[in-house]
C-alpha atoms as a PDB file:
ATOM      1  CA  MET A   1       0.998  18.059  -7.775  1.00  0.00           C
ATOM      2  CA  SER A   2       4.417  16.560  -8.582  1.00  0.00           C
ATOM      3  CA  ALA A   3       4.959  12.802  -8.708  1.00  0.00           C
ATOM      4  CA  LEU A   4       6.726  11.021  -5.851  1.00  0.00           C
ATOM      5  CA  LEU A   5       6.709   7.645  -7.619  1.00  0.00           C
ATOM      6  CA  GLU A   6       6.978   7.438 -11.405  1.00  0.00           C
ATOM      7  CA  VAL A   7       6.755   4.095 -13.197  1.00  0.00           C
ATOM      8  CA  ALA A   8       7.427   3.731 -16.919  1.00  0.00           C
ATOM      9  CA  GLU A   9       7.035   0.579 -19.024  1.00  0.00           C
ATOM     10  CA  LEU A  10       7.173  -1.744 -16.018  1.00  0.00           C
ATOM     11  CA  ARG A  11       7.427  -5.402 -16.973  1.00  0.00           C
ATOM     12  CA  ALA A  12       7.633  -8.274 -14.515  1.00  0.00           C
ATOM     13  CA  PHE A  13       8.291 -11.989 -14.816  1.00  0.00           C
ATOM     14  CA  TYR A  14       7.629 -15.166 -12.878  1.00  0.00           C
ATOM     15  CA  GLY A  15      10.542 -17.190 -14.143  1.00  0.00           C
ATOM     16  CA  ALA A  16      10.516 -16.705 -17.908  1.00  0.00           C
ATOM     17  CA  ARG A  17       6.779 -15.936 -18.018  1.00  0.00           C
ATOM     18  CA  PRO A  18       5.868 -12.242 -18.383  1.00  0.00           C
ATOM     19  CA  VAL A  19       3.045 -11.139 -16.068  1.00  0.00           C
ATOM     20  CA  LEU A  20       3.174  -7.335 -16.351  1.00  0.00           C
ATOM     21  CA  HIS A  21       3.302  -5.811 -19.813  1.00  0.00           C
ATOM     22  CA  GLY A  22       4.631  -2.267 -19.797  1.00  0.00           C
ATOM     23  CA  LEU A  23       2.684  -0.499 -17.035  1.00  0.00           C
ATOM     24  CA  SER A  24       3.153   3.258 -16.676  1.00  0.00           C
ATOM     25  CA  PHE A  25       1.647   5.197 -13.764  1.00  0.00           C
ATOM     26  CA  ALA A  26       2.492   7.679 -11.014  1.00  0.00           C
ATOM     27  CA  VAL A  27       1.712   8.412  -7.375  1.00  0.00           C
ATOM     28  CA  PRO A  28       1.570  12.136  -6.536  1.00  0.00           C
ATOM     29  CA  GLU A  29       3.634  13.586  -3.705  1.00  0.00           C
ATOM     30  CA  GLY A  30       1.404  13.457  -0.637  1.00  0.00           C
ATOM     31  CA  GLY A  31      -1.411  11.947  -2.721  1.00  0.00           C
ATOM     32  CA  ILE A  32      -3.199   8.634  -3.162  1.00  0.00           C
ATOM     33  CA  ALA A  33      -3.351   6.426  -6.248  1.00  0.00           C
ATOM     34  CA  THR A  34      -5.271   3.177  -6.578  1.00  0.00           C
ATOM     35  CA  LEU A  35      -4.796   0.147  -8.820  1.00  0.00           C
ATOM     36  CA  LEU A  36      -8.080  -1.473  -9.801  1.00  0.00           C
ATOM     37  CA  GLY A  37      -8.759  -4.739 -11.572  1.00  0.00           C
ATOM     38  CA  ALA A  38     -10.221  -8.215 -11.220  1.00  0.00           C
ATOM     39  CA  ASN A  39      -8.510 -11.017  -9.319  1.00  0.00           C
ATOM     40  CA  GLY A  40      -5.412 -12.056 -11.227  1.00  0.00           C
ATOM     41  CA  ALA A  41      -5.158  -8.777 -13.146  1.00  0.00           C
ATOM     42  CA  GLY A  42      -1.678  -8.043 -11.798  1.00  0.00           C
ATOM     43  CA  LYS A  43      -2.321  -5.562  -8.991  1.00  0.00           C
ATOM     44  CA  THR A  44      -0.500  -7.443  -6.220  1.00  0.00           C
ATOM     45  CA  THR A  45       2.219  -8.386  -8.693  1.00  0.00           C
ATOM     46  CA  THR A  46       2.744  -4.678  -9.392  1.00  0.00           C
ATOM     47  CA  LEU A  47       3.401  -3.946  -5.711  1.00  0.00           C
ATOM     48  CA  ARG A  48       5.756  -6.912  -5.480  1.00  0.00           C
ATOM     49  CA  ALA A  49       7.563  -5.730  -8.598  1.00  0.00           C
ATOM     50  CA  LEU A  50       8.083  -2.291  -7.059  1.00  0.00           C
ATOM     51  CA  CYS A  51       9.626  -3.983  -4.003  1.00  0.00           C
ATOM     52  CA  ARG A  52      11.966  -6.077  -6.178  1.00  0.00           C
ATOM     53  CA  MET A  53      10.340  -9.331  -5.097  1.00  0.00           C
ATOM     54  CA  LEU A  54      10.489 -10.652  -8.675  1.00  0.00           C
ATOM     55  CA  ARG A  55      12.428  -9.956 -11.854  1.00  0.00           C
ATOM     56  CA  VAL A  56      11.485  -6.665 -13.474  1.00  0.00           C
ATOM     57  CA  GLU A  57      12.325  -4.439 -16.408  1.00  0.00           C
ATOM     58  CA  GLY A  58      11.429  -0.803 -17.026  1.00  0.00           C
ATOM     59  CA  GLU A  59      12.082   2.439 -15.204  1.00  0.00           C
ATOM     60  CA  VAL A  60      10.989   3.289 -11.660  1.00  0.00           C
ATOM     61  CA  ARG A  61      11.787   6.672 -10.099  1.00  0.00           C
ATOM     62  CA  PHE A  62      11.214   7.682  -6.489  1.00  0.00           C
ATOM     63  CA  ASP A  63      11.574  11.369  -5.724  1.00  0.00           C
ATOM     64  CA  GLY A  64      13.389  11.744  -9.034  1.00  0.00           C
ATOM     65  CA  GLN A  65      15.917   8.943  -8.396  1.00  0.00           C
ATOM     66  CA  ARG A  66      15.954   5.732 -10.402  1.00  0.00           C
ATOM     67  CA  ILE A  67      15.362   2.784  -8.069  1.00  0.00           C
ATOM     68  CA  ASP A  68      14.714  -0.068 -10.506  1.00  0.00           C
ATOM     69  CA  GLY A  69      18.207  -1.426  -9.849  1.00  0.00           C
ATOM     70  CA  ARG A  70      17.974  -1.198  -6.047  1.00  0.00           C
ATOM     71  CA  SER A  71      17.554  -4.102  -3.632  1.00  0.00           C
ATOM     72  CA  THR A  72      14.474  -4.555  -1.453  1.00  0.00           C
ATOM     73  CA  GLU A  73      16.486  -3.330   1.561  1.00  0.00           C
ATOM     74  CA  ASP A  74      17.536  -0.188  -0.309  1.00  0.00           C
ATOM     75  CA  ILE A  75      13.925   0.538  -1.229  1.00  0.00           C
ATOM     76  CA  VAL A  76      12.859   0.266   2.421  1.00  0.00           C
ATOM     77  CA  ARG A  77      15.621   2.666   3.442  1.00  0.00           C
ATOM     78  CA  LEU A  78      14.374   5.202   0.898  1.00  0.00           C
ATOM     79  CA  GLY A  79      11.071   5.325   2.790  1.00  0.00           C
ATOM     80  CA  ILE A  80       8.820   2.912   0.883  1.00  0.00           C
ATOM     81  CA  ALA A  81       6.797   0.624   3.175  1.00  0.00           C
ATOM     82  CA  HIS A  82       4.884  -2.395   1.876  1.00  0.00           C
ATOM     83  CA  VAL A  83       1.822  -3.757   3.700  1.00  0.00           C
ATOM     84  CA  PRO A  84       1.234  -7.083   1.902  1.00  0.00           C
ATOM     85  CA  ASP A  85      -1.983  -8.978   1.444  1.00  0.00           C
ATOM     86  CA  GLY A  86      -2.468 -11.364   4.343  1.00  0.00           C
ATOM     87  CA  ARG A  87      -1.083  -8.660   6.693  1.00  0.00           C
ATOM     88  CA  GLY A  88       2.256 -10.373   7.325  1.00  0.00           C
ATOM     89  CA  THR A  89       2.262  -9.911  11.089  1.00  0.00           C
ATOM     90  CA  PHE A  90       4.732 -11.912  13.184  1.00  0.00           C
ATOM     91  CA  VAL A  91       2.180 -13.923  15.115  1.00  0.00           C
ATOM     92  CA  ASP A  92       4.540 -15.142  17.856  1.00  0.00           C
ATOM     93  CA  LEU A  93       5.738 -11.619  18.680  1.00  0.00           C
ATOM     94  CA  THR A  94       3.782  -9.115  20.732  1.00  0.00           C
ATOM     95  CA  VAL A  95       2.163  -6.077  19.184  1.00  0.00           C
ATOM     96  CA  GLU A  96       4.965  -3.877  20.508  1.00  0.00           C
ATOM     97  CA  GLU A  97       7.651  -6.236  19.197  1.00  0.00           C
ATOM     98  CA  ASN A  98       6.010  -6.158  15.760  1.00  0.00           C
ATOM     99  CA  LEU A  99       6.205  -2.373  15.819  1.00  0.00           C
ATOM    100  CA  ARG A 100       9.895  -2.514  16.714  1.00  0.00           C
ATOM    101  CA  VAL A 101      10.466  -4.717  13.665  1.00  0.00           C
ATOM    102  CA  GLY A 102       8.913  -1.945  11.562  1.00  0.00           C
ATOM    103  CA  ALA A 103      11.578   0.459  12.793  1.00  0.00           C
ATOM    104  CA  ILE A 104      14.488  -1.967  12.422  1.00  0.00           C
ATOM    105  CA  THR A 105      16.216   0.017   9.652  1.00  0.00           C
ATOM    106  CA  ARG A 106      16.069   3.313  11.571  1.00  0.00           C
ATOM    107  CA  ARG A 107      19.042   4.736  13.434  1.00  0.00           C
ATOM    108  CA  ASP A 108      17.490   7.926  14.822  1.00  0.00           C
ATOM    109  CA  LYS A 109      16.368   8.617  18.396  1.00  0.00           C
ATOM    110  CA  GLY A 110      12.702   9.273  17.635  1.00  0.00           C
ATOM    111  CA  ILE A 111      11.472   5.675  17.730  1.00  0.00           C
ATOM    112  CA  ALA A 112      10.068   5.844  21.278  1.00  0.00           C
ATOM    113  CA  GLY A 113       7.927   8.851  20.367  1.00  0.00           C
ATOM    114  CA  ASP A 114       6.646   7.119  17.262  1.00  0.00           C
ATOM    115  CA  PHE A 115       5.020   4.395  19.342  1.00  0.00           C
ATOM    116  CA  GLU A 116       2.655   6.993  20.749  1.00  0.00           C
ATOM    117  CA  ARG A 117       2.176   8.488  17.279  1.00  0.00           C
ATOM    118  CA  VAL A 118       0.963   5.204  15.762  1.00  0.00           C
ATOM    119  CA  TYR A 119      -1.001   4.298  18.902  1.00  0.00           C
ATOM    120  CA  GLY A 120      -2.813   7.589  18.402  1.00  0.00           C
ATOM    121  CA  TYR A 121      -4.111   6.311  15.070  1.00  0.00           C
ATOM    122  CA  PHE A 122      -4.796   2.822  16.419  1.00  0.00           C
ATOM    123  CA  PRO A 123      -5.805   3.002  20.103  1.00  0.00           C
ATOM    124  CA  ARG A 124      -7.190  -0.520  19.857  1.00  0.00           C
ATOM    125  CA  ILE A 125      -3.737  -2.012  19.331  1.00  0.00           C
ATOM    126  CA  LYS A 126      -2.305   0.144  22.112  1.00  0.00           C
ATOM    127  CA  GLU A 127      -4.680  -1.639  24.470  1.00  0.00           C
ATOM    128  CA  ARG A 128      -3.255  -4.947  23.216  1.00  0.00           C
ATOM    129  CA  ARG A 129       0.402  -3.950  22.962  1.00  0.00           C
ATOM    130  CA  ARG A 130       1.536  -6.771  25.304  1.00  0.00           C
ATOM    131  CA  GLN A 131      -0.479  -9.453  23.489  1.00  0.00           C
ATOM    132  CA  GLN A 132       0.916 -11.843  20.913  1.00  0.00           C
ATOM    133  CA  ALA A 133      -0.092 -10.635  17.463  1.00  0.00           C
ATOM    134  CA  GLY A 134      -1.562 -14.051  16.640  1.00  0.00           C
ATOM    135  CA  THR A 135      -4.250 -13.531  19.279  1.00  0.00           C
ATOM    136  CA  LEU A 136      -5.600 -10.363  17.616  1.00  0.00           C
ATOM    137  CA  SER A 137      -8.701 -10.284  15.447  1.00  0.00           C
ATOM    138  CA  GLY A 138      -8.326  -9.927  11.691  1.00  0.00           C
ATOM    139  CA  GLY A 139      -9.122  -6.224  11.841  1.00  0.00           C
ATOM    140  CA  GLU A 140      -6.647  -5.643  14.658  1.00  0.00           C
ATOM    141  CA  GLN A 141      -3.948  -7.503  12.716  1.00  0.00           C
ATOM    142  CA  GLN A 142      -4.594  -5.255   9.717  1.00  0.00           C
ATOM    143  CA  MET A 143      -4.288  -2.187  11.936  1.00  0.00           C
ATOM    144  CA  LEU A 144      -1.037  -3.598  13.332  1.00  0.00           C
ATOM    145  CA  ALA A 145       0.326  -4.199   9.815  1.00  0.00           C
ATOM    146  CA  ILE A 146      -0.301  -0.567   8.856  1.00  0.00           C
ATOM    147  CA  ALA A 147       1.034   0.706  12.192  1.00  0.00           C
ATOM    148  CA  ARG A 148       4.203  -1.371  11.752  1.00  0.00           C
ATOM    149  CA  ALA A 149       4.719   0.173   8.302  1.00  0.00           C
ATOM    150  CA  LEU A 150       4.306   3.653   9.794  1.00  0.00           C
ATOM    151  CA  MET A 151       7.141   2.952  12.227  1.00  0.00           C
ATOM    152  CA  LEU A 152       9.465   3.162   9.225  1.00  0.00           C
ATOM    153  CA  GLN A 153       8.422   6.830   8.855  1.00  0.00           C
ATOM    154  CA  PRO A 154       7.647   6.166   5.188  1.00  0.00           C
ATOM    155  CA  ARG A 155       7.037   8.681   2.459  1.00  0.00           C
ATOM    156  CA  LEU A 156       5.093   6.072   0.469  1.00  0.00           C
ATOM    157  CA  LEU A 157       2.841   3.243   1.660  1.00  0.00           C
ATOM    158  CA  LEU A 158       2.102   0.317  -0.651  1.00  0.00           C
ATOM    159  CA  LEU A 159      -1.159  -1.151   0.676  1.00  0.00           C
ATOM    160  CA  ASP A 160      -2.419  -4.488  -0.642  1.00  0.00           C
ATOM    161  CA  GLU A 161      -6.099  -5.300   0.005  1.00  0.00           C
ATOM    162  CA  PRO A 162      -6.450  -3.672   3.454  1.00  0.00           C
ATOM    163  CA  SER A 163     -10.192  -4.488   3.546  1.00  0.00           C
ATOM    164  CA  PHE A 164      -9.861  -8.204   2.742  1.00  0.00           C
ATOM    165  CA  GLY A 165     -11.919 -10.413   5.039  1.00  0.00           C
ATOM    166  CA  LEU A 166     -13.010  -7.585   7.332  1.00  0.00           C
ATOM    167  CA  ALA A 167     -16.473  -6.527   8.460  1.00  0.00           C
ATOM    168  CA  PRO A 168     -17.822  -3.353   6.798  1.00  0.00           C
ATOM    169  CA  LEU A 169     -17.553  -1.220   9.957  1.00  0.00           C
ATOM    170  CA  LEU A 170     -13.892  -2.166  10.390  1.00  0.00           C
ATOM    171  CA  VAL A 171     -13.231  -1.421   6.740  1.00  0.00           C
ATOM    172  CA  GLU A 172     -14.717   2.055   7.137  1.00  0.00           C
ATOM    173  CA  GLU A 173     -12.576   2.650  10.229  1.00  0.00           C
ATOM    174  CA  ILE A 174      -9.362   1.578   8.492  1.00  0.00           C
ATOM    175  CA  PHE A 175     -10.073   3.718   5.433  1.00  0.00           C
ATOM    176  CA  ARG A 176     -10.834   6.685   7.701  1.00  0.00           C
ATOM    177  CA  ILE A 177      -7.464   6.203   9.422  1.00  0.00           C
ATOM    178  CA  MET A 178      -5.679   5.893   6.071  1.00  0.00           C
ATOM    179  CA  ARG A 179      -7.180   9.204   4.961  1.00  0.00           C
ATOM    180  CA  GLN A 180      -6.127  10.783   8.258  1.00  0.00           C
ATOM    181  CA  ILE A 181      -2.537   9.518   7.886  1.00  0.00           C
ATOM    182  CA  ASN A 182      -2.383  10.850   4.343  1.00  0.00           C
ATOM    183  CA  ARG A 183      -3.717  14.284   5.254  1.00  0.00           C
ATOM    184  CA  GLN A 184      -1.872  14.800   8.539  1.00  0.00           C
ATOM    185  CA  GLU A 185       1.512  13.319   7.624  1.00  0.00           C
ATOM    186  CA  ARG A 186       1.437  13.734   3.837  1.00  0.00           C
ATOM    187  CA  VAL A 187       2.312  10.055   3.407  1.00  0.00           C
ATOM    188  CA  ALA A 188       1.605   9.069  -0.197  1.00  0.00           C
ATOM    189  CA  ILE A 189      -0.330   5.827  -0.733  1.00  0.00           C
ATOM    190  CA  LEU A 190      -0.482   3.332  -3.588  1.00  0.00           C
ATOM    191  CA  LEU A 191      -3.568   1.255  -2.840  1.00  0.00           C
ATOM    192  CA  VAL A 192      -4.600  -2.122  -4.244  1.00  0.00           C
ATOM    193  CA  GLU A 193      -8.208  -2.755  -3.256  1.00  0.00           C
ATOM    194  CA  GLN A 194     -11.072  -4.986  -4.420  1.00  0.00           C
ATOM    195  CA  ASN A 195     -13.648  -2.566  -3.000  1.00  0.00           C
ATOM    196  CA  ALA A 196     -13.473  -0.220  -5.976  1.00  0.00           C
ATOM    197  CA  SER A 197     -16.061   2.188  -4.614  1.00  0.00           C
ATOM    198  CA  LEU A 198     -14.093   2.850  -1.421  1.00  0.00           C
ATOM    199  CA  ALA A 199     -10.787   2.993  -3.301  1.00  0.00           C
ATOM    200  CA  LEU A 200     -12.054   5.554  -5.811  1.00  0.00           C
ATOM    201  CA  GLU A 201     -13.548   7.660  -3.027  1.00  0.00           C
ATOM    202  CA  LEU A 202     -10.191   7.735  -1.224  1.00  0.00           C
ATOM    203  CA  ALA A 203      -7.837   8.164  -4.183  1.00  0.00           C
ATOM    204  CA  ASP A 204      -6.735  11.113  -6.296  1.00  0.00           C
ATOM    205  CA  GLU A 205      -5.597   9.002  -9.273  1.00  0.00           C
ATOM    206  CA  ALA A 206      -6.827   5.622 -10.505  1.00  0.00           C
ATOM    207  CA  TYR A 207      -5.447   2.978 -12.865  1.00  0.00           C
ATOM    208  CA  LEU A 208      -7.350  -0.019 -14.209  1.00  0.00           C
ATOM    209  CA  ILE A 209      -5.312  -3.132 -14.989  1.00  0.00           C
ATOM    210  CA  GLU A 210      -6.447  -6.140 -17.024  1.00  0.00           C
ATOM    211  CA  THR A 211      -4.199  -9.202 -17.450  1.00  0.00           C
ATOM    212  CA  GLY A 212      -1.088  -7.205 -16.624  1.00  0.00           C
ATOM    213  CA  ARG A 213      -1.861  -4.320 -18.969  1.00  0.00           C
ATOM    214  CA  LEU A 214      -3.013  -0.793 -18.194  1.00  0.00           C
ATOM    215  CA  VAL A 215      -6.353  -0.135 -19.879  1.00  0.00           C
ATOM    216  CA  LEU A 216      -7.620   3.040 -18.188  1.00  0.00           C
ATOM    217  CA  ALA A 217      -5.986   5.873 -16.242  1.00  0.00           C
ATOM    218  CA  GLY A 218      -7.043   9.252 -14.894  1.00  0.00           C
ATOM    219  CA  LYS A 219      -8.455  11.170 -11.972  1.00  0.00           C
ATOM    220  CA  ALA A 220     -10.300   8.858  -9.599  1.00  0.00           C
ATOM    221  CA  ALA A 221     -13.477  10.958  -9.758  1.00  0.00           C
ATOM    222  CA  GLU A 222     -13.509  10.663 -13.555  1.00  0.00           C
ATOM    223  CA  ILE A 223     -12.668   6.942 -13.587  1.00  0.00           C
ATOM    224  CA  ALA A 224     -15.632   6.368 -11.247  1.00  0.00           C
ATOM    225  CA  LYS A 225     -17.893   7.792 -13.953  1.00  0.00           C
ATOM    226  CA  ALA A 226     -16.557   5.519 -16.712  1.00  0.00           C
ATOM    227  CA  GLU A 227     -19.280   3.124 -17.847  1.00  0.00           C
ATOM    228  CA  SER A 228     -16.970   0.092 -17.982  1.00  0.00           C
ATOM    229  CA  VAL A 229     -15.835   0.721 -14.407  1.00  0.00           C
ATOM    230  CA  ARG A 230     -19.358   1.362 -13.120  1.00  0.00           C
ATOM    231  CA  ARG A 231     -20.705  -1.853 -14.628  1.00  0.00           C
ATOM    232  CA  SER A 232     -17.779  -4.148 -13.787  1.00  0.00           C
ATOM    233  CA  TYR A 233     -16.623  -2.815 -10.416  1.00  0.00           C
ATOM    234  CA  LEU A 234     -19.257  -0.503  -8.938  1.00  0.00           C
ATOM    235  CA  GLY A 235     -22.367  -2.523  -9.736  1.00  0.00           C
ATOM    236  CA  TYR A 236     -24.540   0.124 -11.379  1.00  0.00           C
END
């Protein structure tokens, strides 16, 4: 499987302080990769670095093109959608208005049809499409955040902690939908997730980060068997 996203020696800085120290990893075309690590390890920072939300060095290629010099807007136009931690919904807008924001960079005529496409994945938010997003439950807001990203028609989704603060049944539902999106639409996913067991079950590739450094990489099924991962993240 060829790589859609290739990252080599990625370094990132908050001001003058380095926070990522030469990360190298890849996301396969139409596949799923997950970044694992404790709180503060640098997982969220890695997604922000890919979106040019902080100063970075290193080489990032998307579909063979270097993008490390591109702006955040350019990266969105290439088809990379970021679903941040905290969901980032526009609480004063309706569900439908939030979805329109997701398609704001598009100039094609297929946007109307894509509403039904994303509502097919998330029928719960279709029922609430006229409601203000701030009135939705936490799980519904997470569904809306992913649905809004899909309105971009992305080739790559950057998902940051989609299970955070949600009940287990909702988490299972969201992960089921993410798998469905990946398989049906071949949207690649780079997933940051504290629930390592679920992340490793979903992903093809896995990368373990500690204090901004890559310490373990490989197939997700093999990483799940690593003793250090089992003890620290899987609890057995």
